[in-house]
Every structure is written in structure tokens, then in C-alpha cells.
Amino acid sequence: MTYPWQESQQAYREAAAWFQAIVARVNGRWGEPGLGEWDVRALVGHTSRSLLTVEAYLKQPAAAVIVDSPVAYYLATHALSSGPGVVQRGRDAGKTLGADPAASVATIAARVLALVDRMTGDEVPTTIAGGMRLVDYLPTRILELTVHTADLATALGLPVEPPALPAAVTLRLLCDLAVARGEAGPLLLAATGRGSLPGDYSVL
């Protein structure tokens, strides 16, 4: 499924703004538990990569499209996303944010959002899964920003209230993944109050 480019641009912008707003409320709690093996700083560092990878991959144009949809991207990168390198990259990204992570996140977001605003969606960056159109890659970054900002809000004891548009893009992609993985039944039942999801249920 292709997501409309202008919708994705706006959703990315709103997801980035929500991320910045939650990061601004960390208030020195950088060493507290964040998610899994990450403390709050590492979780913020990992989440900031949803901005930084767009910038980095656009500097590496691909010769051809290898991955043709956001769902195909997640299917192709499933093993990579659960490897030990992800944990370390999150920690390293957190350290790179320096003495004032909130200010660093704001600077990164301003720079990357300005870059995305200049794009048409037809660009073909080289992602870790191979070449894919930016219009297909950006929804995966919206999902990552939205889900991990929700993780950050949870870690800080704040309400999880994502903006409507990035939430809609994220839920749509999660539903597409559930169908692609043959996991739609449990999700359908739980979302309509007809059952509960197993504790280890995930479509990612």
C-alpha cells in the first residue's frame, strides 16, 4: 500500500513535534529505565534515528527500487530489528545527543523536517533493506517515531496521546503488517472487545 506523500510529510512533522514535546519533559531523568535494556537517554537516542536515517539515506541514492512498500521493509528487516546491534546503536545515539539532549533533538528535527519538505517522495534512498522510494520509507519512520515516543511517555509516567495523523498512519501500517504476517485475527478480536492479545503479541 502506498501512503499519500503530503499526508506522510504532515504526519512525520506532527510525530516529530510530539517527540520533541515529550523529550522536553524528561527534566534530567536521562538515566532512568526507558525500554528494555535502554535507559531514557538511549531510548531518546534510538528514537532520534527515525529522523537521522532519513537524512543519511537520502545522501546515498539507490540505483533501483528493491523494497516496494512499508510492509515489505518491515518483513525484510525483521531479523535486523531484533539484533544486539540495535541496542548498542541506541546507546551510541543517546551519547551523541550530548549535554542537552532536548536541544539536540530539536536541532535534528528542524534540519530533517526542512529536508523532507523539499522532497517529492520519488527519491530513492538506500535503506538497510535496499533502495526504496522515500514515499514508501517515510511511513516506517512515522511508525517508529510514534511508537517510541509512546514508549518514552510511558517511561516518564506521562499520558500516551499521539497526534491523530501520525497515530492513523501508524495504526494503518500495523494493520497492514498484521494481515501480511497472518496475525490479523487476534488483533481484530481484541480491537472490537471480543478477546485479548497474548502478552507477546507483536506484528513488528
C-alpha atoms as a PDB file:
ATOM      1  CA  MET A   1       0.000   0.000   0.000  1.00  0.00           C
ATOM      2  CA  THR A   2       1.285   3.470  -0.878  1.00  0.00           C
ATOM      3  CA  TYR A   3       0.625   6.242   1.613  1.00  0.00           C
ATOM      4  CA  PRO A   4      -0.114   9.707   0.152  1.00  0.00           C
ATOM      5  CA  TRP A   5       3.087  11.764   0.178  1.00  0.00           C
ATOM      6  CA  GLN A   6       1.637  15.005   1.537  1.00  0.00           C
ATOM      7  CA  GLU A   7      -0.165  13.088   4.281  1.00  0.00           C
ATOM      8  CA  SER A   8       3.078  11.351   5.220  1.00  0.00           C
ATOM      9  CA  GLN A   9       5.002  14.630   5.255  1.00  0.00           C
ATOM     10  CA  GLN A  10       2.458  16.132   7.641  1.00  0.00           C
ATOM     11  CA  ALA A  11       2.289  13.020   9.802  1.00  0.00           C
ATOM     12  CA  TYR A  12       6.085  12.944  10.058  1.00  0.00           C
ATOM     13  CA  ARG A  13       6.123  16.598  11.036  1.00  0.00           C
ATOM     14  CA  GLU A  14       3.490  16.034  13.747  1.00  0.00           C
ATOM     15  CA  ALA A  15       5.182  12.887  15.043  1.00  0.00           C
ATOM     16  CA  ALA A  16       8.478  14.770  15.316  1.00  0.00           C
ATOM     17  CA  ALA A  17       6.758  17.614  17.180  1.00  0.00           C
ATOM     18  CA  TRP A  18       5.223  15.147  19.666  1.00  0.00           C
ATOM     19  CA  PHE A  19       8.625  13.511  20.171  1.00  0.00           C
ATOM     20  CA  GLN A  20      10.204  16.900  20.907  1.00  0.00           C
ATOM     21  CA  ALA A  21       7.409  17.804  23.316  1.00  0.00           C
ATOM     22  CA  ILE A  22       7.877  14.597  25.336  1.00  0.00           C
ATOM     23  CA  VAL A  23      11.675  14.861  25.300  1.00  0.00           C
ATOM     24  CA  ALA A  24      11.326  18.383  26.697  1.00  0.00           C
ATOM     25  CA  ARG A  25       9.625  16.853  29.741  1.00  0.00           C
ATOM     26  CA  VAL A  26      12.425  14.438  30.654  1.00  0.00           C
ATOM     27  CA  ASN A  27      13.766  17.007  33.140  1.00  0.00           C
ATOM     28  CA  GLY A  28      17.044  15.303  33.946  1.00  0.00           C
ATOM     29  CA  ARG A  29      15.700  11.746  34.166  1.00  0.00           C
ATOM     30  CA  TRP A  30      18.048  10.511  31.445  1.00  0.00           C
ATOM     31  CA  GLY A  31      19.436   7.608  33.451  1.00  0.00           C
ATOM     32  CA  GLU A  32      16.070   6.144  34.458  1.00  0.00           C
ATOM     33  CA  PRO A  33      14.687   2.978  32.816  1.00  0.00           C
ATOM     34  CA  GLY A  34      13.419   3.630  29.296  1.00  0.00           C
ATOM     35  CA  LEU A  35      12.597   0.485  27.321  1.00  0.00           C
ATOM     36  CA  GLY A  36      14.149  -2.954  27.727  1.00  0.00           C
ATOM     37  CA  GLU A  37      17.912  -2.531  28.027  1.00  0.00           C
ATOM     38  CA  TRP A  38      17.736   1.185  27.244  1.00  0.00           C
ATOM     39  CA  ASP A  39      17.655   3.990  29.756  1.00  0.00           C
ATOM     40  CA  VAL A  40      15.745   7.141  28.833  1.00  0.00           C
ATOM     41  CA  ARG A  41      18.748   8.698  27.087  1.00  0.00           C
ATOM     42  CA  ALA A  42      19.267   5.609  24.904  1.00  0.00           C
ATOM     43  CA  LEU A  43      15.549   5.414  24.101  1.00  0.00           C
ATOM     44  CA  VAL A  44      15.609   9.049  23.006  1.00  0.00           C
ATOM     45  CA  GLY A  45      18.770   8.371  21.019  1.00  0.00           C
ATOM     46  CA  HIS A  46      17.175   5.414  19.257  1.00  0.00           C
ATOM     47  CA  THR A  47      14.039   7.410  18.502  1.00  0.00           C
ATOM     48  CA  SER A  48      16.099  10.271  17.082  1.00  0.00           C
ATOM     49  CA  ARG A  49      17.383   7.815  14.484  1.00  0.00           C
ATOM     50  CA  SER A  50      13.930   7.924  12.890  1.00  0.00           C
ATOM     51  CA  LEU A  51      14.975  11.430  11.869  1.00  0.00           C
ATOM     52  CA  LEU A  52      18.677  10.855  11.264  1.00  0.00           C
ATOM     53  CA  THR A  53      18.309   7.823   8.999  1.00  0.00           C
ATOM     54  CA  VAL A  54      16.121   9.782   6.587  1.00  0.00           C
ATOM     55  CA  GLU A  55      18.867  12.366   6.276  1.00  0.00           C
ATOM     56  CA  ALA A  56      21.648   9.787   5.993  1.00  0.00           C
ATOM     57  CA  TYR A  57      19.899   7.529   3.485  1.00  0.00           C
ATOM     58  CA  LEU A  58      18.982  10.418   1.198  1.00  0.00           C
ATOM     59  CA  LYS A  59      22.709  11.065   0.834  1.00  0.00           C
ATOM     60  CA  GLN A  60      23.023   7.563  -0.651  1.00  0.00           C
ATOM     61  CA  PRO A  61      20.744   7.386  -3.718  1.00  0.00           C
ATOM     62  CA  ALA A  62      19.994   3.832  -4.839  1.00  0.00           C
ATOM     63  CA  ALA A  63      20.256   2.666  -8.443  1.00  0.00           C
ATOM     64  CA  ALA A  64      16.978   0.744  -8.238  1.00  0.00           C
ATOM     65  CA  VAL A  65      13.947   0.104  -6.042  1.00  0.00           C
ATOM     66  CA  ILE A  66      14.380  -3.187  -4.183  1.00  0.00           C
ATOM     67  CA  VAL A  67      11.761  -2.715  -1.462  1.00  0.00           C
ATOM     68  CA  ASP A  68       8.387  -1.624  -2.793  1.00  0.00           C
ATOM     69  CA  SER A  69       6.306  -0.897   0.324  1.00  0.00           C
ATOM     70  CA  PRO A  70       6.498  -0.109   4.051  1.00  0.00           C
ATOM     71  CA  VAL A  71       5.273  -3.635   4.836  1.00  0.00           C
ATOM     72  CA  ALA A  72       7.994  -5.144   2.650  1.00  0.00           C
ATOM     73  CA  TYR A  73      10.557  -3.054   4.541  1.00  0.00           C
ATOM     74  CA  TYR A  74       9.496  -4.487   7.903  1.00  0.00           C
ATOM     75  CA  LEU A  75       9.384  -8.028   6.552  1.00  0.00           C
ATOM     76  CA  ALA A  76      12.881  -7.592   5.125  1.00  0.00           C
ATOM     77  CA  THR A  77      14.396  -6.075   8.282  1.00  0.00           C
ATOM     78  CA  HIS A  78      12.726  -8.242  10.934  1.00  0.00           C
ATOM     79  CA  ALA A  79      15.911 -10.090  11.904  1.00  0.00           C
ATOM     80  CA  LEU A  80      17.982  -6.900  11.918  1.00  0.00           C
ATOM     81  CA  SER A  81      15.500  -5.071  14.141  1.00  0.00           C
ATOM     82  CA  SER A  82      15.848  -7.619  16.925  1.00  0.00           C
ATOM     83  CA  GLY A  83      19.639  -7.984  16.828  1.00  0.00           C
ATOM     84  CA  PRO A  84      22.094  -6.817  19.528  1.00  0.00           C
ATOM     85  CA  GLY A  85      23.350  -4.047  17.263  1.00  0.00           C
ATOM     86  CA  VAL A  86      20.074  -2.167  17.678  1.00  0.00           C
ATOM     87  CA  VAL A  87      20.589  -1.864  21.434  1.00  0.00           C
ATOM     88  CA  GLN A  88      24.123  -0.538  21.042  1.00  0.00           C
ATOM     89  CA  ARG A  89      23.168   1.893  18.287  1.00  0.00           C
ATOM     90  CA  GLY A  90      20.505   3.326  20.585  1.00  0.00           C
ATOM     91  CA  ARG A  91      23.053   3.820  23.360  1.00  0.00           C
ATOM     92  CA  ASP A  92      25.550   5.377  20.981  1.00  0.00           C
ATOM     93  CA  ALA A  93      22.893   7.709  19.548  1.00  0.00           C
ATOM     94  CA  GLY A  94      21.928   8.747  23.073  1.00  0.00           C
ATOM     95  CA  LYS A  95      25.524   9.646  23.908  1.00  0.00           C
ATOM     96  CA  THR A  96      25.830  11.627  20.684  1.00  0.00           C
ATOM     97  CA  LEU A  97      22.985  13.894  21.816  1.00  0.00           C
ATOM     98  CA  GLY A  98      25.437  15.445  24.286  1.00  0.00           C
ATOM     99  CA  ALA A  99      24.871  17.512  27.402  1.00  0.00           C
ATOM    100  CA  ASP A 100      21.488  18.867  26.297  1.00  0.00           C
ATOM    101  CA  PRO A 101      19.648  16.053  24.501  1.00  0.00           C
ATOM    102  CA  ALA A 102      16.420  18.023  24.201  1.00  0.00           C
ATOM    103  CA  ALA A 103      18.166  20.838  22.354  1.00  0.00           C
ATOM    104  CA  SER A 104      19.974  18.339  20.137  1.00  0.00           C
ATOM    105  CA  VAL A 105      16.695  16.617  19.247  1.00  0.00           C
ATOM    106  CA  ALA A 106      15.132  19.976  18.366  1.00  0.00           C
ATOM    107  CA  THR A 107      18.085  20.847  16.112  1.00  0.00           C
ATOM    108  CA  ILE A 108      17.972  17.469  14.357  1.00  0.00           C
ATOM    109  CA  ALA A 109      14.216  17.675  13.851  1.00  0.00           C
ATOM    110  CA  ALA A 110      14.355  21.172  12.373  1.00  0.00           C
ATOM    111  CA  ARG A 111      17.076  20.159   9.940  1.00  0.00           C
ATOM    112  CA  VAL A 112      15.491  16.887   8.814  1.00  0.00           C
ATOM    113  CA  LEU A 113      11.957  18.255   8.520  1.00  0.00           C
ATOM    114  CA  ALA A 114      13.237  21.078   6.319  1.00  0.00           C
ATOM    115  CA  LEU A 115      14.949  18.460   4.152  1.00  0.00           C
ATOM    116  CA  VAL A 116      11.803  16.321   3.846  1.00  0.00           C
ATOM    117  CA  ASP A 117       9.741  19.387   2.957  1.00  0.00           C
ATOM    118  CA  ARG A 118      11.945  19.816  -0.116  1.00  0.00           C
ATOM    119  CA  MET A 119      11.449  16.248  -1.303  1.00  0.00           C
ATOM    120  CA  THR A 120       8.832  14.931  -3.754  1.00  0.00           C
ATOM    121  CA  GLY A 121       8.610  11.389  -2.367  1.00  0.00           C
ATOM    122  CA  ASP A 122      10.006   9.932  -5.591  1.00  0.00           C
ATOM    123  CA  GLU A 123      13.587   9.980  -4.318  1.00  0.00           C
ATOM    124  CA  VAL A 124      15.130   6.510  -3.902  1.00  0.00           C
ATOM    125  CA  PRO A 125      17.414   6.431  -0.849  1.00  0.00           C
ATOM    126  CA  THR A 126      19.464   3.364   0.067  1.00  0.00           C
ATOM    127  CA  THR A 127      17.985   1.946   3.280  1.00  0.00           C
ATOM    128  CA  ILE A 128      19.276  -1.008   5.290  1.00  0.00           C
ATOM    129  CA  ALA A 129      16.849  -3.153   3.260  1.00  0.00           C
ATOM    130  CA  GLY A 130      17.962  -1.708  -0.082  1.00  0.00           C
ATOM    131  CA  GLY A 131      16.673   1.002  -2.366  1.00  0.00           C
ATOM    132  CA  MET A 132      13.115   2.191  -1.794  1.00  0.00           C
ATOM    133  CA  ARG A 133      11.153   5.283  -2.667  1.00  0.00           C
ATOM    134  CA  LEU A 134      11.022   7.899   0.054  1.00  0.00           C
ATOM    135  CA  VAL A 135       7.215   7.861  -0.128  1.00  0.00           C
ATOM    136  CA  ASP A 136       7.399   4.211   0.996  1.00  0.00           C
ATOM    137  CA  TYR A 137      10.175   4.657   3.553  1.00  0.00           C
ATOM    138  CA  LEU A 138       8.750   7.651   5.421  1.00  0.00           C
ATOM    139  CA  PRO A 139       5.716   5.793   6.890  1.00  0.00           C
ATOM    140  CA  THR A 140       8.129   3.403   8.610  1.00  0.00           C
ATOM    141  CA  ARG A 141       9.797   6.391  10.283  1.00  0.00           C
ATOM    142  CA  ILE A 142       6.398   7.773  11.304  1.00  0.00           C
ATOM    143  CA  LEU A 143       5.626   4.450  12.951  1.00  0.00           C
ATOM    144  CA  GLU A 144       8.974   4.369  14.746  1.00  0.00           C
ATOM    145  CA  LEU A 145       8.659   7.954  15.968  1.00  0.00           C
ATOM    146  CA  THR A 146       5.101   7.410  17.174  1.00  0.00           C
ATOM    147  CA  VAL A 147       5.649   4.054  18.885  1.00  0.00           C
ATOM    148  CA  HIS A 148       8.890   5.056  20.590  1.00  0.00           C
ATOM    149  CA  THR A 149       7.532   8.411  21.710  1.00  0.00           C
ATOM    150  CA  ALA A 150       4.702   6.412  23.283  1.00  0.00           C
ATOM    151  CA  ASP A 151       7.392   4.265  24.959  1.00  0.00           C
ATOM    152  CA  LEU A 152       9.090   7.404  26.241  1.00  0.00           C
ATOM    153  CA  ALA A 153       5.854   8.876  27.573  1.00  0.00           C
ATOM    154  CA  THR A 154       5.145   5.581  29.341  1.00  0.00           C
ATOM    155  CA  ALA A 155       8.624   5.504  30.876  1.00  0.00           C
ATOM    156  CA  LEU A 156       8.114   9.040  32.192  1.00  0.00           C
ATOM    157  CA  GLY A 157       4.628   8.312  33.527  1.00  0.00           C
ATOM    158  CA  LEU A 158       3.002  10.697  31.053  1.00  0.00           C
ATOM    159  CA  PRO A 159      -0.242  10.129  29.103  1.00  0.00           C
ATOM    160  CA  VAL A 160       0.189   8.472  25.720  1.00  0.00           C
ATOM    161  CA  GLU A 161      -1.654  10.923  23.483  1.00  0.00           C
ATOM    162  CA  PRO A 162      -0.190  10.825  19.952  1.00  0.00           C
ATOM    163  CA  PRO A 163      -1.436  13.337  17.393  1.00  0.00           C
ATOM    164  CA  ALA A 164      -4.252  11.958  15.265  1.00  0.00           C
ATOM    165  CA  LEU A 165      -2.497  11.853  11.885  1.00  0.00           C
ATOM    166  CA  PRO A 166       0.694  10.001  12.880  1.00  0.00           C
ATOM    167  CA  ALA A 167      -1.435   7.689  15.018  1.00  0.00           C
ATOM    168  CA  ALA A 168      -3.618   6.929  11.984  1.00  0.00           C
ATOM    169  CA  VAL A 169      -0.611   6.250   9.730  1.00  0.00           C
ATOM    170  CA  THR A 170       0.976   4.061  12.401  1.00  0.00           C
ATOM    171  CA  LEU A 171      -2.169   2.027  13.061  1.00  0.00           C
ATOM    172  CA  ARG A 172      -2.788   1.583   9.335  1.00  0.00           C
ATOM    173  CA  LEU A 173       0.716   0.237   8.825  1.00  0.00           C
ATOM    174  CA  LEU A 174       0.427  -2.043  11.860  1.00  0.00           C
ATOM    175  CA  CYS A 175      -2.825  -3.426  10.475  1.00  0.00           C
ATOM    176  CA  ASP A 176      -1.184  -3.991   7.081  1.00  0.00           C
ATOM    177  CA  LEU A 177       1.627  -5.850   8.832  1.00  0.00           C
ATOM    178  CA  ALA A 178      -0.839  -7.961  10.822  1.00  0.00           C
ATOM    179  CA  VAL A 179      -2.532  -9.038   7.595  1.00  0.00           C
ATOM    180  CA  ALA A 180       0.796  -9.739   5.869  1.00  0.00           C
ATOM    181  CA  ARG A 181       2.003 -11.871   8.782  1.00  0.00           C
ATOM    182  CA  GLY A 182      -1.278 -13.790   9.150  1.00  0.00           C
ATOM    183  CA  GLU A 183      -1.831 -12.211  12.574  1.00  0.00           C
ATOM    184  CA  ALA A 184      -4.961 -10.200  11.817  1.00  0.00           C
ATOM    185  CA  GLY A 185      -7.430 -12.436  13.668  1.00  0.00           C
ATOM    186  CA  PRO A 186      -6.248 -11.801  17.243  1.00  0.00           C
ATOM    187  CA  LEU A 187      -5.912  -8.073  16.534  1.00  0.00           C
ATOM    188  CA  LEU A 188      -9.401  -7.874  15.038  1.00  0.00           C
ATOM    189  CA  LEU A 189     -10.943  -9.622  18.040  1.00  0.00           C
ATOM    190  CA  ALA A 190      -9.063  -7.515  20.594  1.00  0.00           C
ATOM    191  CA  ALA A 191      -9.818  -4.215  18.855  1.00  0.00           C
ATOM    192  CA  THR A 192     -13.534  -4.974  18.942  1.00  0.00           C
ATOM    193  CA  GLY A 193     -13.678  -6.138  22.560  1.00  0.00           C
ATOM    194  CA  ARG A 194     -14.015  -9.807  21.640  1.00  0.00           C
ATOM    195  CA  GLY A 195     -10.769 -11.042  23.105  1.00  0.00           C
ATOM    196  CA  SER A 196      -7.387 -10.036  24.468  1.00  0.00           C
ATOM    197  CA  LEU A 197      -3.994 -10.204  22.827  1.00  0.00           C
ATOM    198  CA  PRO A 198      -1.331 -12.629  24.062  1.00  0.00           C
ATOM    199  CA  GLY A 199       1.347 -10.931  26.124  1.00  0.00           C
ATOM    200  CA  ASP A 200       4.000 -11.481  23.458  1.00  0.00           C
ATOM    201  CA  TYR A 201       1.822 -10.404  20.506  1.00  0.00           C
ATOM    202  CA  SER A 202       3.560  -8.112  18.045  1.00  0.00           C
ATOM    203  CA  VAL A 203       3.323  -7.596  14.312  1.00  0.00           C
ATOM    204  CA  LEU A 204       6.783  -5.968  14.138  1.00  0.00           C
END
